[in-house]
Amino acid sequence: MTAEDEEFNRIERESKQRKEAVLQALHDENERLGLYKDAYGATKEQLMAEVAVLTELVRVLSGRVAELEKPWVDLTKEECFELCVKHKNESFSLLVAVQDKLKEKNT
């Protein structure tokens, strides 16, 4: 590499450094003036944090919806008959037994 090439590279390197310093100063001033905030005053970091929270909320709610969309399992005729025989003259205990059996089948 010639002395002329080295001088050119040095000048180019210094020019890039000055350009980066000016851009950084401009960025810092814009940030100080609040120019990176949106119309509601939220910064990019705040918006990204909100997106993360909302994404998690959507994930949780999707899981709940999937749980609610599971098909309901009813009692078979045989199960109803067995419960009626077991609790034949006790309507309240029959009601409780049916409720318990349905909970058991649907959880």
PDB file of N, CA and C in Angstrom:
ATOM      1  N   MET A   1       0.856  -1.167   0.000  1.00  0.00           N
ATOM      2  CA  MET A   1       0.000   0.000   0.000  1.00  0.00           C
ATOM      3  C   MET A   1       0.907   1.236   0.000  1.00  0.00           C
ATOM      4  N   THR A   2       0.561   2.161  -0.835  1.00  0.00           N
ATOM      5  CA  THR A   2       1.386   3.362  -0.961  1.00  0.00           C
ATOM      6  C   THR A   2       1.017   4.361   0.112  1.00  0.00           C
ATOM      7  N   ALA A   3       1.887   5.338   0.293  1.00  0.00           N
ATOM      8  CA  ALA A   3       1.640   6.402   1.268  1.00  0.00           C
ATOM      9  C   ALA A   3       0.372   7.162   0.904  1.00  0.00           C
ATOM     10  N   GLU A   4       0.142   7.288  -0.376  1.00  0.00           N
ATOM     11  CA  GLU A   4      -1.054   7.998  -0.851  1.00  0.00           C
ATOM     12  C   GLU A   4      -2.323   7.225  -0.470  1.00  0.00           C
ATOM     13  N   ASP A   5      -2.283   5.887  -0.592  1.00  0.00           N
ATOM     14  CA  ASP A   5      -3.424   5.040  -0.209  1.00  0.00           C
ATOM     15  C   ASP A   5      -3.667   5.110   1.297  1.00  0.00           C
ATOM     16  N   GLU A   6      -2.607   5.071   2.061  1.00  0.00           N
ATOM     17  CA  GLU A   6      -2.730   5.152   3.516  1.00  0.00           C
ATOM     18  C   GLU A   6      -3.345   6.484   3.938  1.00  0.00           C
ATOM     19  N   GLU A   7      -2.920   7.560   3.299  1.00  0.00           N
ATOM     20  CA  GLU A   7      -3.473   8.887   3.601  1.00  0.00           C
ATOM     21  C   GLU A   7      -4.966   8.930   3.251  1.00  0.00           C
ATOM     22  N   PHE A   8      -5.318   8.368   2.110  1.00  0.00           N
ATOM     23  CA  PHE A   8      -6.716   8.329   1.697  1.00  0.00           C
ATOM     24  C   PHE A   8      -7.546   7.542   2.720  1.00  0.00           C
ATOM     25  N   ASN A   9      -7.060   6.371   3.145  1.00  0.00           N
ATOM     26  CA  ASN A   9      -7.771   5.537   4.123  1.00  0.00           C
ATOM     27  C   ASN A   9      -7.929   6.260   5.464  1.00  0.00           C
ATOM     28  N   ARG A  10      -6.871   6.996   5.887  1.00  0.00           N
ATOM     29  CA  ARG A  10      -6.934   7.751   7.141  1.00  0.00           C
ATOM     30  C   ARG A  10      -8.000   8.837   7.065  1.00  0.00           C
ATOM     31  N   ILE A  11      -8.023   9.561   5.966  1.00  0.00           N
ATOM     32  CA  ILE A  11      -9.002  10.634   5.784  1.00  0.00           C
ATOM     33  C   ILE A  11     -10.422  10.048   5.755  1.00  0.00           C
ATOM     34  N   GLU A  12     -10.574   8.940   5.059  1.00  0.00           N
ATOM     35  CA  GLU A  12     -11.890   8.286   4.976  1.00  0.00           C
ATOM     36  C   GLU A  12     -12.345   7.804   6.355  1.00  0.00           C
ATOM     37  N   ARG A  13     -11.448   7.204   7.128  1.00  0.00           N
ATOM     38  CA  ARG A  13     -11.747   6.722   8.477  1.00  0.00           C
ATOM     39  C   ARG A  13     -12.160   7.883   9.385  1.00  0.00           C
ATOM     40  N   GLU A  14     -11.413   8.984   9.338  1.00  0.00           N
ATOM     41  CA  GLU A  14     -11.743  10.156  10.156  1.00  0.00           C
ATOM     42  C   GLU A  14     -13.086  10.754   9.743  1.00  0.00           C
ATOM     43  N   SER A  15     -13.361  10.738   8.455  1.00  0.00           N
ATOM     44  CA  SER A  15     -14.636  11.248   7.962  1.00  0.00           C
ATOM     45  C   SER A  15     -15.802  10.406   8.495  1.00  0.00           C
ATOM     46  N   LYS A  16     -15.631   9.096   8.485  1.00  0.00           N
ATOM     47  CA  LYS A  16     -16.668   8.207   9.024  1.00  0.00           C
ATOM     48  C   LYS A  16     -16.871   8.441  10.516  1.00  0.00           C
ATOM     49  N   GLN A  17     -15.781   8.633  11.240  1.00  0.00           N
ATOM     50  CA  GLN A  17     -15.877   8.884  12.677  1.00  0.00           C
ATOM     51  C   GLN A  17     -16.635  10.188  12.952  1.00  0.00           C
ATOM     52  N   ARG A  18     -16.326  11.245  12.172  1.00  0.00           N
ATOM     53  CA  ARG A  18     -17.029  12.530  12.335  1.00  0.00           C
ATOM     54  C   ARG A  18     -18.510  12.374  12.006  1.00  0.00           C
ATOM     55  N   LYS A  19     -18.798  11.623  10.942  1.00  0.00           N
ATOM     56  CA  LYS A  19     -20.183  11.397  10.547  1.00  0.00           C
ATOM     57  C   LYS A  19     -20.935  10.659  11.659  1.00  0.00           C
ATOM     58  N   GLU A  20     -20.346   9.619  12.232  1.00  0.00           N
ATOM     59  CA  GLU A  20     -20.978   8.869  13.322  1.00  0.00           C
ATOM     60  C   GLU A  20     -21.201   9.753  14.545  1.00  0.00           C
ATOM     61  N   ALA A  21     -20.225  10.621  14.855  1.00  0.00           N
ATOM     62  CA  ALA A  21     -20.359  11.525  15.996  1.00  0.00           C
ATOM     63  C   ALA A  21     -21.504  12.508  15.776  1.00  0.00           C
ATOM     64  N   VAL A  22     -21.627  13.036  14.549  1.00  0.00           N
ATOM     65  CA  VAL A  22     -22.712  13.975  14.232  1.00  0.00           C
ATOM     66  C   VAL A  22     -24.064  13.264  14.313  1.00  0.00           C
ATOM     67  N   LEU A  23     -24.159  12.061  13.759  1.00  0.00           N
ATOM     68  CA  LEU A  23     -25.405  11.308  13.810  1.00  0.00           C
ATOM     69  C   LEU A  23     -25.800  10.972  15.246  1.00  0.00           C
ATOM     70  N   GLN A  24     -24.822  10.621  16.066  1.00  0.00           N
ATOM     71  CA  GLN A  24     -25.106  10.323  17.466  1.00  0.00           C
ATOM     72  C   GLN A  24     -25.592  11.573  18.197  1.00  0.00           C
ATOM     73  N   ALA A  25     -24.947  12.705  17.937  1.00  0.00           N
ATOM     74  CA  ALA A  25     -25.364  13.967  18.561  1.00  0.00           C
ATOM     75  C   ALA A  25     -26.783  14.330  18.129  1.00  0.00           C
ATOM     76  N   LEU A  26     -27.090  14.136  16.859  1.00  0.00           N
ATOM     77  CA  LEU A  26     -28.432  14.407  16.350  1.00  0.00           C
ATOM     78  C   LEU A  26     -29.453  13.480  17.009  1.00  0.00           C
ATOM     79  N   HIS A  27     -29.116  12.219  17.112  1.00  0.00           N
ATOM     80  CA  HIS A  27     -29.995  11.247  17.770  1.00  0.00           C
ATOM     81  C   HIS A  27     -30.243  11.646  19.222  1.00  0.00           C
ATOM     82  N   ASP A  28     -29.185  12.001  19.934  1.00  0.00           N
ATOM     83  CA  ASP A  28     -29.320  12.389  21.342  1.00  0.00           C
ATOM     84  C   ASP A  28     -30.213  13.618  21.487  1.00  0.00           C
ATOM     85  N   GLU A  29     -30.048  14.584  20.596  1.00  0.00           N
ATOM     86  CA  GLU A  29     -30.866  15.803  20.653  1.00  0.00           C
ATOM     87  C   GLU A  29     -32.333  15.493  20.334  1.00  0.00           C
ATOM     88  N   ASN A  30     -32.561  14.664  19.331  1.00  0.00           N
ATOM     89  CA  ASN A  30     -33.931  14.271  19.003  1.00  0.00           C
ATOM     90  C   ASN A  30     -34.589  13.526  20.158  1.00  0.00           C
ATOM     91  N   GLU A  31     -33.833  12.682  20.800  1.00  0.00           N
ATOM     92  CA  GLU A  31     -34.352  11.945  21.950  1.00  0.00           C
ATOM     93  C   GLU A  31     -34.666  12.905  23.102  1.00  0.00           C
ATOM     94  N   ARG A  32     -33.770  13.869  23.344  1.00  0.00           N
ATOM     95  CA  ARG A  32     -33.989  14.853  24.404  1.00  0.00           C
ATOM     96  C   ARG A  32     -35.244  15.669  24.134  1.00  0.00           C
ATOM     97  N   LEU A  33     -35.499  15.977  22.869  1.00  0.00           N
ATOM     98  CA  LEU A  33     -36.674  16.756  22.492  1.00  0.00           C
ATOM     99  C   LEU A  33     -37.948  15.910  22.443  1.00  0.00           C
ATOM    100  N   GLY A  34     -37.801  14.598  22.599  1.00  0.00           N
ATOM    101  CA  GLY A  34     -38.968  13.719  22.585  1.00  0.00           C
ATOM    102  C   GLY A  34     -39.504  13.429  21.202  1.00  0.00           C
ATOM    103  N   LEU A  35     -38.663  13.549  20.203  1.00  0.00           N
ATOM    104  CA  LEU A  35     -39.122  13.336  18.832  1.00  0.00           C
ATOM    105  C   LEU A  35     -39.317  11.870  18.479  1.00  0.00           C
ATOM    106  N   TYR A  36     -38.853  10.969  19.330  1.00  0.00           N
ATOM    107  CA  TYR A  36     -39.022   9.542  19.062  1.00  0.00           C
ATOM    108  C   TYR A  36     -40.262   8.978  19.733  1.00  0.00           C
ATOM    109  N   LYS A  37     -41.085   9.847  20.280  1.00  0.00           N
ATOM    110  CA  LYS A  37     -42.313   9.381  20.913  1.00  0.00           C
ATOM    111  C   LYS A  37     -43.445   9.450  19.902  1.00  0.00           C
ATOM    112  N   ASP A  38     -44.418   8.544  20.068  1.00  0.00           N
ATOM    113  CA  ASP A  38     -45.565   8.593  19.155  1.00  0.00           C
ATOM    114  C   ASP A  38     -46.571   9.633  19.638  1.00  0.00           C
ATOM    115  N   ALA A  39     -47.719   9.677  19.010  1.00  0.00           N
ATOM    116  CA  ALA A  39     -48.726  10.694  19.328  1.00  0.00           C
ATOM    117  C   ALA A  39     -49.220  10.601  20.764  1.00  0.00           C
ATOM    118  N   TYR A  40     -49.110   9.439  21.380  1.00  0.00           N
ATOM    119  CA  TYR A  40     -49.584   9.263  22.751  1.00  0.00           C
ATOM    120  C   TYR A  40     -48.462   9.398  23.772  1.00  0.00           C
ATOM    121  N   GLY A  41     -47.266   9.678  23.315  1.00  0.00           N
ATOM    122  CA  GLY A  41     -46.145   9.882  24.225  1.00  0.00           C
ATOM    123  C   GLY A  41     -45.383   8.611  24.588  1.00  0.00           C
ATOM    124  N   ALA A  42     -45.685   7.507  23.938  1.00  0.00           N
ATOM    125  CA  ALA A  42     -45.002   6.256  24.260  1.00  0.00           C
ATOM    126  C   ALA A  42     -43.729   6.120  23.420  1.00  0.00           C
ATOM    127  N   THR A  43     -42.684   5.674  24.056  1.00  0.00           N
ATOM    128  CA  THR A  43     -41.444   5.437  23.320  1.00  0.00           C
ATOM    129  C   THR A  43     -41.512   4.064  22.660  1.00  0.00           C
ATOM    130  N   LYS A  44     -40.581   3.806  21.786  1.00  0.00           N
ATOM    131  CA  LYS A  44     -40.530   2.516  21.095  1.00  0.00           C
ATOM    132  C   LYS A  44     -40.403   1.379  22.117  1.00  0.00           C
ATOM    133  N   GLU A  45     -39.595   1.566  23.158  1.00  0.00           N
ATOM    134  CA  GLU A  45     -39.401   0.530  24.172  1.00  0.00           C
ATOM    135  C   GLU A  45     -40.705   0.268  24.926  1.00  0.00           C
ATOM    136  N   GLN A  46     -41.443   1.354  25.244  1.00  0.00           N
ATOM    137  CA  GLN A  46     -42.708   1.171  25.940  1.00  0.00           C
ATOM    138  C   GLN A  46     -43.709   0.419  25.069  1.00  0.00           C
ATOM    139  N   LEU A  47     -43.746   0.771  23.788  1.00  0.00           N
ATOM    140  CA  LEU A  47     -44.659   0.083  22.880  1.00  0.00           C
ATOM    141  C   LEU A  47     -44.287  -1.384  22.723  1.00  0.00           C
ATOM    142  N   MET A  48     -42.993  -1.663  22.667  1.00  0.00           N
ATOM    143  CA  MET A  48     -42.552  -3.055  22.558  1.00  0.00           C
ATOM    144  C   MET A  48     -42.924  -3.837  23.810  1.00  0.00           C
ATOM    145  N   ALA A  49     -42.811  -3.214  24.971  1.00  0.00           N
ATOM    146  CA  ALA A  49     -43.200  -3.874  26.215  1.00  0.00           C
ATOM    147  C   ALA A  49     -44.701  -4.149  26.225  1.00  0.00           C
ATOM    148  N   GLU A  50     -45.490  -3.191  25.752  1.00  0.00           N
ATOM    149  CA  GLU A  50     -46.936  -3.389  25.683  1.00  0.00           C
ATOM    150  C   GLU A  50     -47.285  -4.519  24.716  1.00  0.00           C
ATOM    151  N   VAL A  51     -46.598  -4.583  23.594  1.00  0.00           N
ATOM    152  CA  VAL A  51     -46.842  -5.660  22.631  1.00  0.00           C
ATOM    153  C   VAL A  51     -46.528  -7.009  23.270  1.00  0.00           C
ATOM    154  N   ALA A  52     -45.452  -7.087  24.036  1.00  0.00           N
ATOM    155  CA  ALA A  52     -45.094  -8.343  24.698  1.00  0.00           C
ATOM    156  C   ALA A  52     -46.185  -8.759  25.688  1.00  0.00           C
ATOM    157  N   VAL A  53     -46.677  -7.801  26.470  1.00  0.00           N
ATOM    158  CA  VAL A  53     -47.735  -8.100  27.442  1.00  0.00           C
ATOM    159  C   VAL A  53     -49.002  -8.547  26.713  1.00  0.00           C
ATOM    160  N   LEU A  54     -49.366  -7.830  25.666  1.00  0.00           N
ATOM    161  CA  LEU A  54     -50.582  -8.177  24.927  1.00  0.00           C
ATOM    162  C   LEU A  54     -50.451  -9.524  24.228  1.00  0.00           C
ATOM    163  N   THR A  55     -49.264  -9.841  23.745  1.00  0.00           N
ATOM    164  CA  THR A  55     -49.039 -11.144  23.119  1.00  0.00           C
ATOM    165  C   THR A  55     -49.249 -12.264  24.127  1.00  0.00           C
ATOM    166  N   GLU A  56     -48.744 -12.079  25.332  1.00  0.00           N
ATOM    167  CA  GLU A  56     -48.931 -13.079  26.391  1.00  0.00           C
ATOM    168  C   GLU A  56     -50.403 -13.198  26.765  1.00  0.00           C
ATOM    169  N   LEU A  57     -51.100 -12.060  26.831  1.00  0.00           N
ATOM    170  CA  LEU A  57     -52.524 -12.067  27.150  1.00  0.00           C
ATOM    171  C   LEU A  57     -53.312 -12.834  26.084  1.00  0.00           C
ATOM    172  N   VAL A  58     -52.988 -12.619  24.825  1.00  0.00           N
ATOM    173  CA  VAL A  58     -53.655 -13.343  23.743  1.00  0.00           C
ATOM    174  C   VAL A  58     -53.395 -14.842  23.875  1.00  0.00           C
ATOM    175  N   ARG A  59     -52.169 -15.207  24.233  1.00  0.00           N
ATOM    176  CA  ARG A  59     -51.842 -16.630  24.400  1.00  0.00           C
ATOM    177  C   ARG A  59     -52.678 -17.255  25.508  1.00  0.00           C
ATOM    178  N   VAL A  60     -52.783 -16.554  26.648  1.00  0.00           N
ATOM    179  CA  VAL A  60     -53.557 -17.066  27.784  1.00  0.00           C
ATOM    180  C   VAL A  60     -55.039 -17.172  27.416  1.00  0.00           C
ATOM    181  N   LEU A  61     -55.573 -16.121  26.802  1.00  0.00           N
ATOM    182  CA  LEU A  61     -56.989 -16.133  26.439  1.00  0.00           C
ATOM    183  C   LEU A  61     -57.291 -17.187  25.381  1.00  0.00           C
ATOM    184  N   SER A  62     -56.363 -17.423  24.470  1.00  0.00           N
ATOM    185  CA  SER A  62     -56.553 -18.473  23.468  1.00  0.00           C
ATOM    186  C   SER A  62     -56.660 -19.837  24.139  1.00  0.00           C
ATOM    187  N   GLY A  63     -55.844 -20.034  25.167  1.00  0.00           N
ATOM    188  CA  GLY A  63     -55.920 -21.284  25.926  1.00  0.00           C
ATOM    189  C   GLY A  63     -57.255 -21.436  26.630  1.00  0.00           C
ATOM    190  N   ARG A  64     -57.766 -20.345  27.177  1.00  0.00           N
ATOM    191  CA  ARG A  64     -59.071 -20.396  27.848  1.00  0.00           C
ATOM    192  C   ARG A  64     -60.190 -20.681  26.859  1.00  0.00           C
ATOM    193  N   VAL A  65     -60.119 -20.042  25.686  1.00  0.00           N
ATOM    194  CA  VAL A  65     -61.130 -20.283  24.655  1.00  0.00           C
ATOM    195  C   VAL A  65     -61.094 -21.744  24.222  1.00  0.00           C
ATOM    196  N   ALA A  66     -59.906 -22.275  24.028  1.00  0.00           N
ATOM    197  CA  ALA A  66     -59.779 -23.680  23.630  1.00  0.00           C
ATOM    198  C   ALA A  66     -60.391 -24.587  24.688  1.00  0.00           C
ATOM    199  N   GLU A  67     -60.191 -24.241  25.953  1.00  0.00           N
ATOM    200  CA  GLU A  67     -60.763 -25.026  27.051  1.00  0.00           C
ATOM    201  C   GLU A  67     -62.294 -24.956  27.016  1.00  0.00           C
ATOM    202  N   LEU A  68     -62.834 -23.770  26.743  1.00  0.00           N
ATOM    203  CA  LEU A  68     -64.283 -23.608  26.697  1.00  0.00           C
ATOM    204  C   LEU A  68     -64.911 -24.274  25.475  1.00  0.00           C
ATOM    205  N   GLU A  69     -64.134 -24.428  24.423  1.00  0.00           N
ATOM    206  CA  GLU A  69     -64.655 -25.036  23.207  1.00  0.00           C
ATOM    207  C   GLU A  69     -64.627 -26.561  23.231  1.00  0.00           C
ATOM    208  N   LYS A  70     -64.083 -27.134  24.301  1.00  0.00           N
ATOM    209  CA  LYS A  70     -64.085 -28.588  24.397  1.00  0.00           C
ATOM    210  C   LYS A  70     -65.533 -29.079  24.434  1.00  0.00           C
ATOM    211  N   PRO A  71     -65.823 -30.173  23.772  1.00  0.00           N
ATOM    212  CA  PRO A  71     -67.213 -30.655  23.761  1.00  0.00           C
ATOM    213  C   PRO A  71     -67.649 -31.132  25.147  1.00  0.00           C
ATOM    214  N   TRP A  72     -68.900 -30.885  25.440  1.00  0.00           N
ATOM    215  CA  TRP A  72     -69.481 -31.299  26.721  1.00  0.00           C
ATOM    216  C   TRP A  72     -69.777 -32.792  26.657  1.00  0.00           C
ATOM    217  N   VAL A  73     -69.365 -33.510  27.680  1.00  0.00           N
ATOM    218  CA  VAL A  73     -69.627 -34.947  27.742  1.00  0.00           C
ATOM    219  C   VAL A  73     -70.785 -35.163  28.692  1.00  0.00           C
ATOM    220  N   ASP A  74     -71.836 -35.767  28.185  1.00  0.00           N
ATOM    221  CA  ASP A  74     -73.039 -36.012  28.972  1.00  0.00           C
ATOM    222  C   ASP A  74     -72.981 -37.405  29.586  1.00  0.00           C
ATOM    223  N   LEU A  75     -73.931 -37.699  30.437  1.00  0.00           N
ATOM    224  CA  LEU A  75     -74.018 -39.029  31.031  1.00  0.00           C
ATOM    225  C   LEU A  75     -74.704 -39.973  30.049  1.00  0.00           C
ATOM    226  N   THR A  76     -74.264 -41.208  30.067  1.00  0.00           N
ATOM    227  CA  THR A  76     -74.922 -42.221  29.233  1.00  0.00           C
ATOM    228  C   THR A  76     -76.199 -42.680  29.933  1.00  0.00           C
ATOM    229  N   LYS A  77     -77.035 -43.360  29.196  1.00  0.00           N
ATOM    230  CA  LYS A  77     -78.273 -43.892  29.796  1.00  0.00           C
ATOM    231  C   LYS A  77     -77.946 -44.854  30.927  1.00  0.00           C
ATOM    232  N   GLU A  78     -76.898 -45.637  30.733  1.00  0.00           N
ATOM    233  CA  GLU A  78     -76.497 -46.607  31.763  1.00  0.00           C
ATOM    234  C   GLU A  78     -76.051 -45.900  33.040  1.00  0.00           C
ATOM    235  N   GLU A  79     -75.273 -44.827  32.873  1.00  0.00           N
ATOM    236  CA  GLU A  79     -74.810 -44.073  34.046  1.00  0.00           C
ATOM    237  C   GLU A  79     -75.985 -43.435  34.771  1.00  0.00           C
ATOM    238  N   CYS A  80     -76.924 -42.881  34.027  1.00  0.00           N
ATOM    239  CA  CYS A  80     -78.122 -42.294  34.643  1.00  0.00           C
ATOM    240  C   CYS A  80     -78.905 -43.354  35.418  1.00  0.00           C
ATOM    241  N   PHE A  81     -79.079 -44.504  34.801  1.00  0.00           N
ATOM    242  CA  PHE A  81     -79.814 -45.590  35.458  1.00  0.00           C
ATOM    243  C   PHE A  81     -79.123 -46.021  36.747  1.00  0.00           C
ATOM    244  N   GLU A  82     -77.805 -46.212  36.685  1.00  0.00           N
ATOM    245  CA  GLU A  82     -77.047 -46.613  37.880  1.00  0.00           C
ATOM    246  C   GLU A  82     -77.217 -45.603  39.012  1.00  0.00           C
ATOM    247  N   LEU A  83     -77.141 -44.313  38.674  1.00  0.00           N
ATOM    248  CA  LEU A  83     -77.291 -43.275  39.700  1.00  0.00           C
ATOM    249  C   LEU A  83     -78.707 -43.257  40.257  1.00  0.00           C
ATOM    250  N   CYS A  84     -79.706 -43.448  39.400  1.00  0.00           N
ATOM    251  CA  CYS A  84     -81.100 -43.472  39.864  1.00  0.00           C
ATOM    252  C   CYS A  84     -81.348 -44.643  40.807  1.00  0.00           C
ATOM    253  N   VAL A  85     -80.800 -45.803  40.479  1.00  0.00           N
ATOM    254  CA  VAL A  85     -80.953 -46.980  41.338  1.00  0.00           C
ATOM    255  C   VAL A  85     -80.260 -46.749  42.672  1.00  0.00           C
ATOM    256  N   LYS A  86     -79.060 -46.198  42.628  1.00  0.00           N
ATOM    257  CA  LYS A  86     -78.271 -45.983  43.849  1.00  0.00           C
ATOM    258  C   LYS A  86     -78.921 -44.945  44.767  1.00  0.00           C
ATOM    259  N   HIS A  87     -79.563 -43.925  44.190  1.00  0.00           N
ATOM    260  CA  HIS A  87     -80.136 -42.822  44.974  1.00  0.00           C
ATOM    261  C   HIS A  87     -81.652 -42.743  44.758  1.00  0.00           C
ATOM    262  N   LYS A  88     -82.345 -43.903  44.743  1.00  0.00           N
ATOM    263  CA  LYS A  88     -83.726 -43.933  44.269  1.00  0.00           C
ATOM    264  C   LYS A  88     -84.714 -43.065  45.043  1.00  0.00           C
ATOM    265  N   ASN A  89     -84.647 -42.941  46.311  1.00  0.00           N
ATOM    266  CA  ASN A  89     -85.613 -42.131  47.046  1.00  0.00           C
ATOM    267  C   ASN A  89     -84.981 -40.876  47.643  1.00  0.00           C
ATOM    268  N   GLU A  90     -83.837 -40.510  47.149  1.00  0.00           N
ATOM    269  CA  GLU A  90     -83.125 -39.346  47.693  1.00  0.00           C
ATOM    270  C   GLU A  90     -82.803 -38.387  46.534  1.00  0.00           C
ATOM    271  N   SER A  91     -83.746 -37.503  46.217  1.00  0.00           N
ATOM    272  CA  SER A  91     -83.581 -36.652  45.039  1.00  0.00           C
ATOM    273  C   SER A  91     -82.396 -35.700  45.164  1.00  0.00           C
ATOM    274  N   PHE A  92     -82.159 -35.178  46.370  1.00  0.00           N
ATOM    275  CA  PHE A  92     -81.035 -34.248  46.507  1.00  0.00           C
ATOM    276  C   PHE A  92     -79.707 -34.962  46.325  1.00  0.00           C
ATOM    277  N   SER A  93     -79.559 -36.137  46.929  1.00  0.00           N
ATOM    278  CA  SER A  93     -78.288 -36.860  46.762  1.00  0.00           C
ATOM    279  C   SER A  93     -78.118 -37.313  45.311  1.00  0.00           C
ATOM    280  N   LEU A  94     -79.238 -37.595  44.600  1.00  0.00           N
ATOM    281  CA  LEU A  94     -79.158 -37.925  43.183  1.00  0.00           C
ATOM    282  C   LEU A  94     -78.644 -36.727  42.387  1.00  0.00           C
ATOM    283  N   LEU A  95     -79.183 -35.555  42.711  1.00  0.00           N
ATOM    284  CA  LEU A  95     -78.741 -34.329  42.040  1.00  0.00           C
ATOM    285  C   LEU A  95     -77.247 -34.092  42.258  1.00  0.00           C
ATOM    286  N   VAL A  96     -76.791 -34.247  43.494  1.00  0.00           N
ATOM    287  CA  VAL A  96     -75.371 -34.063  43.817  1.00  0.00           C
ATOM    288  C   VAL A  96     -74.524 -35.110  43.098  1.00  0.00           C
ATOM    289  N   ALA A  97     -74.998 -36.355  43.060  1.00  0.00           N
ATOM    290  CA  ALA A  97     -74.250 -37.423  42.388  1.00  0.00           C
ATOM    291  C   ALA A  97     -74.136 -37.152  40.887  1.00  0.00           C
ATOM    292  N   VAL A  98     -75.224 -36.671  40.262  1.00  0.00           N
ATOM    293  CA  VAL A  98     -75.187 -36.344  38.837  1.00  0.00           C
ATOM    294  C   VAL A  98     -74.201 -35.210  38.589  1.00  0.00           C
ATOM    295  N   GLN A  99     -74.271 -34.197  39.442  1.00  0.00           N
ATOM    296  CA  GLN A  99     -73.357 -33.059  39.300  1.00  0.00           C
ATOM    297  C   GLN A  99     -71.904 -33.518  39.426  1.00  0.00           C
ATOM    298  N   ASP A 100     -71.611 -34.334  40.407  1.00  0.00           N
ATOM    299  CA  ASP A 100     -70.244 -34.834  40.603  1.00  0.00           C
ATOM    300  C   ASP A 100     -69.776 -35.669  39.415  1.00  0.00           C
ATOM    301  N   LYS A 101     -70.667 -36.513  38.891  1.00  0.00           N
ATOM    302  CA  LYS A 101     -70.301 -37.355  37.764  1.00  0.00           C
ATOM    303  C   LYS A 101     -70.019 -36.526  36.513  1.00  0.00           C
ATOM    304  N   LEU A 102     -70.820 -35.469  36.289  1.00  0.00           N
ATOM    305  CA  LEU A 102     -70.599 -34.596  35.146  1.00  0.00           C
ATOM    306  C   LEU A 102     -69.284 -33.838  35.285  1.00  0.00           C
ATOM    307  N   LYS A 103     -68.989 -33.368  36.495  1.00  0.00           N
ATOM    308  CA  LYS A 103     -67.699 -32.671  36.728  1.00  0.00           C
ATOM    309  C   LYS A 103     -66.541 -33.613  36.431  1.00  0.00           C
ATOM    310  N   GLU A 104     -66.671 -34.836  36.893  1.00  0.00           N
ATOM    311  CA  GLU A 104     -65.614 -35.838  36.694  1.00  0.00           C
ATOM    312  C   GLU A 104     -65.373 -36.100  35.201  1.00  0.00           C
ATOM    313  N   LYS A 105     -66.451 -36.196  34.434  1.00  0.00           N
ATOM    314  CA  LYS A 105     -66.312 -36.502  33.006  1.00  0.00           C
ATOM    315  C   LYS A 105     -65.839 -35.310  32.175  1.00  0.00           C
ATOM    316  N   ASN A 106     -66.072 -34.096  32.662  1.00  0.00           N
ATOM    317  CA  ASN A 106     -65.787 -32.907  31.858  1.00  0.00           C
ATOM    318  C   ASN A 106     -64.578 -32.108  32.344  1.00  0.00           C
ATOM    319  N   THR A 107     -63.792 -32.675  33.205  1.00  0.00           N
ATOM    320  CA  THR A 107     -62.555 -31.969  33.616  1.00  0.00           C
ATOM    321  C   THR A 107     -61.354 -32.801  33.259  1.00  0.00           C
TER     322      THR A 107
END
